[in-house]
Amino acid sequence: MSLPISELYSWVNQLLYCAREDLDVTFSQIGALDSMKILFAILTSVFFALSLMGAHADSTSHDHHGAEKHGIMVKDLTIRATTPQAGATAAYAIIHNHSHHDDILLGASVSFAKKTEIHEMALVGDVMKMRQLEDGIAIAAGETIALEKGGNHIMMMGLSAPIKLDNTYEITLHFKKAGMMTLAAETISLAGKKATHSHQH
């Protein structure tokens, strides 16, 4: 975020004017040197605040389809609804690595489950088995991976409450280089369908 110098100067002048009115002090009374000190202190504070806002805006960018941070884009994050008796569920997403370096999805965390792990489904003989990927999932530069049903996915166990349709749930993904990304996951049914909303007029 940035402001034109003219607008910033005008804003500072207004701030100084308000300060003078509140304190009943004029620049002629406090002297030129003290005036410059006050102006410098205010400008320093303004630029510091703007830099913090800019850093926050650059850290993670969001749109209607997902979020991106340091070249890692996460899209279509969904979480599977559960029955009242179920104690676990899974989340899925599409992850693009647009950066020039490899990264690793190390894990995930949520507030509504006791344990969250990265799992894979693999066919061993004639049996489909699930196991934890303790080293995470590598995402090479320029590569796209899918967390999907029947494949790699995020597994959440020890749910504090059933996962309901029409709700969204925050999931934080942990990447080795991109860091943490917190996104809202849309709920899908057990059949893998998103909730449909009916409107009555």
C-alpha atoms as a PDB file:
ATOM      1  CA  MET A   1       0.000   0.000   0.000  1.00  0.00           C
ATOM      2  CA  SER A   2       1.291   3.492  -0.849  1.00  0.00           C
ATOM      3  CA  LEU A   3       0.107   7.094  -0.803  1.00  0.00           C
ATOM      4  CA  PRO A   4       1.133   9.962  -3.080  1.00  0.00           C
ATOM      5  CA  ILE A   5       3.544  12.335  -1.364  1.00  0.00           C
ATOM      6  CA  SER A   6       1.122  15.228  -1.809  1.00  0.00           C
ATOM      7  CA  GLU A   7      -1.682  13.336  -0.058  1.00  0.00           C
ATOM      8  CA  LEU A   8       0.644  12.186   2.701  1.00  0.00           C
ATOM      9  CA  TYR A   9       1.921  15.738   3.222  1.00  0.00           C
ATOM     10  CA  SER A  10      -1.636  17.075   3.364  1.00  0.00           C
ATOM     11  CA  TRP A  11      -2.634  14.360   5.831  1.00  0.00           C
ATOM     12  CA  VAL A  12       0.339  15.148   8.080  1.00  0.00           C
ATOM     13  CA  ASN A  13      -0.449  18.871   7.958  1.00  0.00           C
ATOM     14  CA  GLN A  14      -4.002  18.133   9.066  1.00  0.00           C
ATOM     15  CA  LEU A  15      -2.699  15.943  11.856  1.00  0.00           C
ATOM     16  CA  LEU A  16      -0.330  18.682  13.005  1.00  0.00           C
ATOM     17  CA  TYR A  17      -3.104  21.243  12.834  1.00  0.00           C
ATOM     18  CA  CYS A  18      -5.313  19.079  15.047  1.00  0.00           C
ATOM     19  CA  ALA A  19      -2.429  18.600  17.456  1.00  0.00           C
ATOM     20  CA  ARG A  20      -1.837  22.352  17.631  1.00  0.00           C
ATOM     21  CA  GLU A  21      -5.525  22.997  18.277  1.00  0.00           C
ATOM     22  CA  ASP A  22      -5.677  20.387  21.032  1.00  0.00           C
ATOM     23  CA  LEU A  23      -2.495  21.552  22.729  1.00  0.00           C
ATOM     24  CA  ASP A  24      -2.997  25.267  22.030  1.00  0.00           C
ATOM     25  CA  VAL A  25       0.541  25.454  20.701  1.00  0.00           C
ATOM     26  CA  THR A  26       1.747  27.064  17.487  1.00  0.00           C
ATOM     27  CA  PHE A  27       4.892  26.378  15.502  1.00  0.00           C
ATOM     28  CA  SER A  28       6.142  29.874  16.293  1.00  0.00           C
ATOM     29  CA  GLN A  29       5.881  29.107  20.001  1.00  0.00           C
ATOM     30  CA  ILE A  30       7.612  25.736  19.962  1.00  0.00           C
ATOM     31  CA  GLY A  31      10.308  26.791  17.501  1.00  0.00           C
ATOM     32  CA  ALA A  32      11.405  25.514  14.111  1.00  0.00           C
ATOM     33  CA  LEU A  33      13.721  22.813  15.479  1.00  0.00           C
ATOM     34  CA  ASP A  34      11.035  21.268  17.678  1.00  0.00           C
ATOM     35  CA  SER A  35       8.561  21.511  14.795  1.00  0.00           C
ATOM     36  CA  MET A  36      10.871  19.461  12.576  1.00  0.00           C
ATOM     37  CA  LYS A  37      11.275  16.891  15.356  1.00  0.00           C
ATOM     38  CA  ILE A  38       7.514  16.516  15.654  1.00  0.00           C
ATOM     39  CA  LEU A  39       7.109  16.277  11.889  1.00  0.00           C
ATOM     40  CA  PHE A  40       9.873  13.674  11.642  1.00  0.00           C
ATOM     41  CA  ALA A  41       8.341  11.587  14.440  1.00  0.00           C
ATOM     42  CA  ILE A  42       4.917  11.636  12.787  1.00  0.00           C
ATOM     43  CA  LEU A  43       6.315  10.796   9.353  1.00  0.00           C
ATOM     44  CA  THR A  44       8.317   7.921  10.846  1.00  0.00           C
ATOM     45  CA  SER A  45       5.175   6.542  12.494  1.00  0.00           C
ATOM     46  CA  VAL A  46       3.140   6.891   9.293  1.00  0.00           C
ATOM     47  CA  PHE A  47       5.696   5.150   7.088  1.00  0.00           C
ATOM     48  CA  PHE A  48       6.175   2.409   9.691  1.00  0.00           C
ATOM     49  CA  ALA A  49       2.412   1.759   9.823  1.00  0.00           C
ATOM     50  CA  LEU A  50       2.162   1.734   6.024  1.00  0.00           C
ATOM     51  CA  SER A  51       5.077  -0.673   5.728  1.00  0.00           C
ATOM     52  CA  LEU A  52       3.410  -3.049   8.179  1.00  0.00           C
ATOM     53  CA  MET A  53       0.169  -2.893   6.207  1.00  0.00           C
ATOM     54  CA  GLY A  54       2.024  -3.515   2.969  1.00  0.00           C
ATOM     55  CA  ALA A  55       3.928  -6.464   4.432  1.00  0.00           C
ATOM     56  CA  HIS A  56       0.692  -7.998   5.659  1.00  0.00           C
ATOM     57  CA  ALA A  57      -0.974  -7.534   2.288  1.00  0.00           C
ATOM     58  CA  ASP A  58       1.981  -9.113   0.474  1.00  0.00           C
ATOM     59  CA  SER A  59       2.277 -12.087   2.827  1.00  0.00           C
ATOM     60  CA  THR A  60      -0.874 -13.872   1.690  1.00  0.00           C
ATOM     61  CA  SER A  61      -3.150 -12.770  -1.142  1.00  0.00           C
ATOM     62  CA  HIS A  62      -6.706 -14.074  -1.338  1.00  0.00           C
ATOM     63  CA  ASP A  63      -9.337 -14.196  -4.040  1.00  0.00           C
ATOM     64  CA  HIS A  64     -12.594 -16.045  -4.537  1.00  0.00           C
ATOM     65  CA  HIS A  65     -10.797 -19.185  -5.706  1.00  0.00           C
ATOM     66  CA  GLY A  66      -7.992 -19.589  -3.159  1.00  0.00           C
ATOM     67  CA  ALA A  67      -4.912 -17.965  -1.706  1.00  0.00           C
ATOM     68  CA  GLU A  68      -1.268 -17.533  -2.662  1.00  0.00           C
ATOM     69  CA  LYS A  69       1.861 -16.962  -0.586  1.00  0.00           C
ATOM     70  CA  HIS A  70       5.479 -16.950  -1.756  1.00  0.00           C
ATOM     71  CA  GLY A  71       4.507 -18.648  -5.007  1.00  0.00           C
ATOM     72  CA  ILE A  72       2.417 -21.391  -3.392  1.00  0.00           C
ATOM     73  CA  MET A  73      -1.224 -21.231  -4.493  1.00  0.00           C
ATOM     74  CA  VAL A  74      -3.921 -23.249  -2.733  1.00  0.00           C
ATOM     75  CA  LYS A  75      -7.270 -23.623  -4.497  1.00  0.00           C
ATOM     76  CA  ASP A  76     -10.544 -25.467  -3.967  1.00  0.00           C
ATOM     77  CA  LEU A  77      -9.950 -26.316  -0.309  1.00  0.00           C
ATOM     78  CA  THR A  78     -12.845 -28.460   0.892  1.00  0.00           C
ATOM     79  CA  ILE A  79     -13.654 -30.523   3.969  1.00  0.00           C
ATOM     80  CA  ARG A  80     -15.925 -33.561   4.060  1.00  0.00           C
ATOM     81  CA  ALA A  81     -19.099 -33.382   6.148  1.00  0.00           C
ATOM     82  CA  THR A  82     -19.567 -36.105   8.751  1.00  0.00           C
ATOM     83  CA  THR A  83     -22.321 -37.995  10.482  1.00  0.00           C
ATOM     84  CA  PRO A  84     -22.932 -37.136  14.161  1.00  0.00           C
ATOM     85  CA  GLN A  85     -21.100 -40.284  15.250  1.00  0.00           C
ATOM     86  CA  ALA A  86     -17.993 -39.833  13.090  1.00  0.00           C
ATOM     87  CA  GLY A  87     -14.770 -38.870  14.824  1.00  0.00           C
ATOM     88  CA  ALA A  88     -12.676 -38.087  11.754  1.00  0.00           C
ATOM     89  CA  THR A  89     -12.859 -36.381   8.388  1.00  0.00           C
ATOM     90  CA  ALA A  90     -10.657 -35.401   5.460  1.00  0.00           C
ATOM     91  CA  ALA A  91      -9.842 -32.229   3.533  1.00  0.00           C
ATOM     92  CA  TYR A  92      -8.832 -31.840  -0.103  1.00  0.00           C
ATOM     93  CA  ALA A  93      -7.251 -29.098  -2.222  1.00  0.00           C
ATOM     94  CA  ILE A  94      -5.284 -28.256  -5.350  1.00  0.00           C
ATOM     95  CA  ILE A  95      -1.812 -26.820  -4.668  1.00  0.00           C
ATOM     96  CA  HIS A  96       0.288 -25.078  -7.339  1.00  0.00           C
ATOM     97  CA  ASN A  97       3.951 -24.213  -6.829  1.00  0.00           C
ATOM     98  CA  HIS A  98       4.529 -21.137  -9.000  1.00  0.00           C
ATOM     99  CA  SER A  99       7.861 -20.340  -7.337  1.00  0.00           C
ATOM    100  CA  HIS A 100      11.343 -21.161  -8.636  1.00  0.00           C
ATOM    101  CA  HIS A 101      12.199 -23.468  -5.769  1.00  0.00           C
ATOM    102  CA  ASP A 102      10.846 -26.754  -4.438  1.00  0.00           C
ATOM    103  CA  ASP A 103       8.684 -26.770  -1.341  1.00  0.00           C
ATOM    104  CA  ILE A 104       7.129 -29.330   0.994  1.00  0.00           C
ATOM    105  CA  LEU A 105       3.658 -29.494   2.518  1.00  0.00           C
ATOM    106  CA  LEU A 106       4.726 -30.534   6.019  1.00  0.00           C
ATOM    107  CA  GLY A 107       1.328 -30.764   7.659  1.00  0.00           C
ATOM    108  CA  ALA A 108      -1.787 -28.919   8.727  1.00  0.00           C
ATOM    109  CA  SER A 109      -3.538 -27.770  11.874  1.00  0.00           C
ATOM    110  CA  VAL A 110      -7.130 -27.006  12.887  1.00  0.00           C
ATOM    111  CA  SER A 111      -8.896 -25.926  16.053  1.00  0.00           C
ATOM    112  CA  PHE A 112     -11.715 -28.480  15.806  1.00  0.00           C
ATOM    113  CA  ALA A 113      -9.715 -31.750  15.881  1.00  0.00           C
ATOM    114  CA  LYS A 114      -7.207 -33.253  18.282  1.00  0.00           C
ATOM    115  CA  LYS A 115      -4.854 -34.497  15.565  1.00  0.00           C
ATOM    116  CA  THR A 116      -4.220 -33.490  11.957  1.00  0.00           C
ATOM    117  CA  GLU A 117      -1.968 -35.476   9.616  1.00  0.00           C
ATOM    118  CA  ILE A 118      -1.093 -35.765   5.946  1.00  0.00           C
ATOM    119  CA  HIS A 119      -2.156 -39.204   4.699  1.00  0.00           C
ATOM    120  CA  GLU A 120      -1.907 -41.192   1.501  1.00  0.00           C
ATOM    121  CA  MET A 121      -4.100 -43.951   0.163  1.00  0.00           C
ATOM    122  CA  ALA A 122      -2.207 -46.719  -1.578  1.00  0.00           C
ATOM    123  CA  LEU A 123      -3.254 -50.042  -3.041  1.00  0.00           C
ATOM    124  CA  VAL A 124      -1.234 -52.796  -1.350  1.00  0.00           C
ATOM    125  CA  GLY A 125      -2.047 -56.022  -3.152  1.00  0.00           C
ATOM    126  CA  ASP A 126      -5.825 -56.036  -3.323  1.00  0.00           C
ATOM    127  CA  VAL A 127      -6.252 -53.875  -0.228  1.00  0.00           C
ATOM    128  CA  MET A 128      -6.425 -50.072  -0.123  1.00  0.00           C
ATOM    129  CA  LYS A 129      -4.449 -48.876   2.873  1.00  0.00           C
ATOM    130  CA  MET A 130      -3.972 -45.466   4.433  1.00  0.00           C
ATOM    131  CA  ARG A 131      -0.775 -44.287   6.106  1.00  0.00           C
ATOM    132  CA  GLN A 132       0.671 -41.063   7.422  1.00  0.00           C
ATOM    133  CA  LEU A 133       3.242 -39.201   5.314  1.00  0.00           C
ATOM    134  CA  GLU A 134       5.545 -38.127   8.125  1.00  0.00           C
ATOM    135  CA  ASP A 135       7.881 -36.248   5.772  1.00  0.00           C
ATOM    136  CA  GLY A 136       5.004 -34.430   4.087  1.00  0.00           C
ATOM    137  CA  ILE A 137       4.432 -34.047   0.354  1.00  0.00           C
ATOM    138  CA  ALA A 138       7.124 -32.576  -1.889  1.00  0.00           C
ATOM    139  CA  ILE A 139       5.972 -29.986  -4.421  1.00  0.00           C
ATOM    140  CA  ALA A 140       8.593 -29.308  -7.077  1.00  0.00           C
ATOM    141  CA  ALA A 141       8.929 -25.858  -8.640  1.00  0.00           C
ATOM    142  CA  GLY A 142       6.259 -25.493 -11.311  1.00  0.00           C
ATOM    143  CA  GLU A 143       4.408 -28.612 -10.126  1.00  0.00           C
ATOM    144  CA  THR A 144       0.748 -29.007  -9.191  1.00  0.00           C
ATOM    145  CA  ILE A 145      -0.428 -31.621  -6.703  1.00  0.00           C
ATOM    146  CA  ALA A 146      -3.932 -32.713  -5.759  1.00  0.00           C
ATOM    147  CA  LEU A 147      -5.130 -33.638  -2.307  1.00  0.00           C
ATOM    148  CA  GLU A 148      -8.099 -35.774  -3.229  1.00  0.00           C
ATOM    149  CA  LYS A 149     -10.353 -38.618  -2.215  1.00  0.00           C
ATOM    150  CA  GLY A 150      -8.622 -41.946  -2.749  1.00  0.00           C
ATOM    151  CA  GLY A 151      -5.188 -40.294  -2.801  1.00  0.00           C
ATOM    152  CA  ASN A 152      -3.164 -37.932  -0.655  1.00  0.00           C
ATOM    153  CA  HIS A 153      -5.302 -35.890   1.731  1.00  0.00           C
ATOM    154  CA  ILE A 154      -5.419 -34.079   5.058  1.00  0.00           C
ATOM    155  CA  MET A 155      -6.802 -36.306   7.813  1.00  0.00           C
ATOM    156  CA  MET A 156      -8.383 -34.775  10.930  1.00  0.00           C
ATOM    157  CA  MET A 157      -9.054 -37.059  13.890  1.00  0.00           C
ATOM    158  CA  GLY A 158     -10.727 -36.509  17.227  1.00  0.00           C
ATOM    159  CA  LEU A 159     -13.311 -33.998  16.004  1.00  0.00           C
ATOM    160  CA  SER A 160     -14.789 -31.729  18.666  1.00  0.00           C
ATOM    161  CA  ALA A 161     -18.109 -31.634  16.780  1.00  0.00           C
ATOM    162  CA  PRO A 162     -19.598 -33.013  13.558  1.00  0.00           C
ATOM    163  CA  ILE A 163     -18.649 -31.236  10.330  1.00  0.00           C
ATOM    164  CA  LYS A 164     -21.825 -29.731   8.896  1.00  0.00           C
ATOM    165  CA  LEU A 165     -22.810 -28.685   5.401  1.00  0.00           C
ATOM    166  CA  ASP A 166     -23.214 -24.939   4.794  1.00  0.00           C
ATOM    167  CA  ASN A 167     -20.426 -24.239   7.294  1.00  0.00           C
ATOM    168  CA  THR A 168     -16.847 -23.206   6.549  1.00  0.00           C
ATOM    169  CA  TYR A 169     -13.864 -24.323   8.609  1.00  0.00           C
ATOM    170  CA  GLU A 170     -10.434 -22.724   8.884  1.00  0.00           C
ATOM    171  CA  ILE A 171      -7.491 -24.971   8.044  1.00  0.00           C
ATOM    172  CA  THR A 172      -3.864 -23.883   8.350  1.00  0.00           C
ATOM    173  CA  LEU A 173      -1.419 -25.518   5.951  1.00  0.00           C
ATOM    174  CA  HIS A 174       2.261 -25.660   6.913  1.00  0.00           C
ATOM    175  CA  PHE A 175       4.854 -25.374   4.129  1.00  0.00           C
ATOM    176  CA  LYS A 176       8.596 -25.679   4.632  1.00  0.00           C
ATOM    177  CA  LYS A 177       9.462 -22.513   2.680  1.00  0.00           C
ATOM    178  CA  ALA A 178       6.182 -20.673   2.131  1.00  0.00           C
ATOM    179  CA  GLY A 179       5.290 -20.927   5.811  1.00  0.00           C
ATOM    180  CA  MET A 180       1.754 -21.121   7.142  1.00  0.00           C
ATOM    181  CA  MET A 181      -1.378 -20.386   5.130  1.00  0.00           C
ATOM    182  CA  THR A 182      -4.806 -20.250   6.766  1.00  0.00           C
ATOM    183  CA  LEU A 183      -7.803 -20.703   4.489  1.00  0.00           C
ATOM    184  CA  ALA A 184     -11.526 -21.281   4.833  1.00  0.00           C
ATOM    185  CA  ALA A 185     -12.533 -24.735   3.645  1.00  0.00           C
ATOM    186  CA  GLU A 186     -15.958 -25.204   2.104  1.00  0.00           C
ATOM    187  CA  THR A 187     -17.877 -28.256   3.266  1.00  0.00           C
ATOM    188  CA  ILE A 188     -18.790 -31.048   0.856  1.00  0.00           C
ATOM    189  CA  SER A 189     -21.137 -33.976   1.415  1.00  0.00           C
ATOM    190  CA  LEU A 190     -20.045 -37.552   1.940  1.00  0.00           C
ATOM    191  CA  ALA A 191     -20.696 -38.042  -1.765  1.00  0.00           C
ATOM    192  CA  GLY A 192     -18.288 -35.215  -2.547  1.00  0.00           C
ATOM    193  CA  LYS A 193     -20.885 -32.613  -3.526  1.00  0.00           C
ATOM    194  CA  LYS A 194     -21.050 -29.032  -2.286  1.00  0.00           C
ATOM    195  CA  ALA A 195     -24.170 -27.803  -0.561  1.00  0.00           C
ATOM    196  CA  THR A 196     -26.821 -26.283  -2.804  1.00  0.00           C
ATOM    197  CA  HIS A 197     -28.558 -23.148  -1.616  1.00  0.00           C
ATOM    198  CA  SER A 198     -32.214 -22.620  -2.388  1.00  0.00           C
ATOM    199  CA  HIS A 199     -33.713 -19.137  -2.317  1.00  0.00           C
ATOM    200  CA  GLN A 200     -37.359 -18.455  -1.735  1.00  0.00           C
ATOM    201  CA  HIS A 201     -38.989 -15.204  -2.799  1.00  0.00           C
END
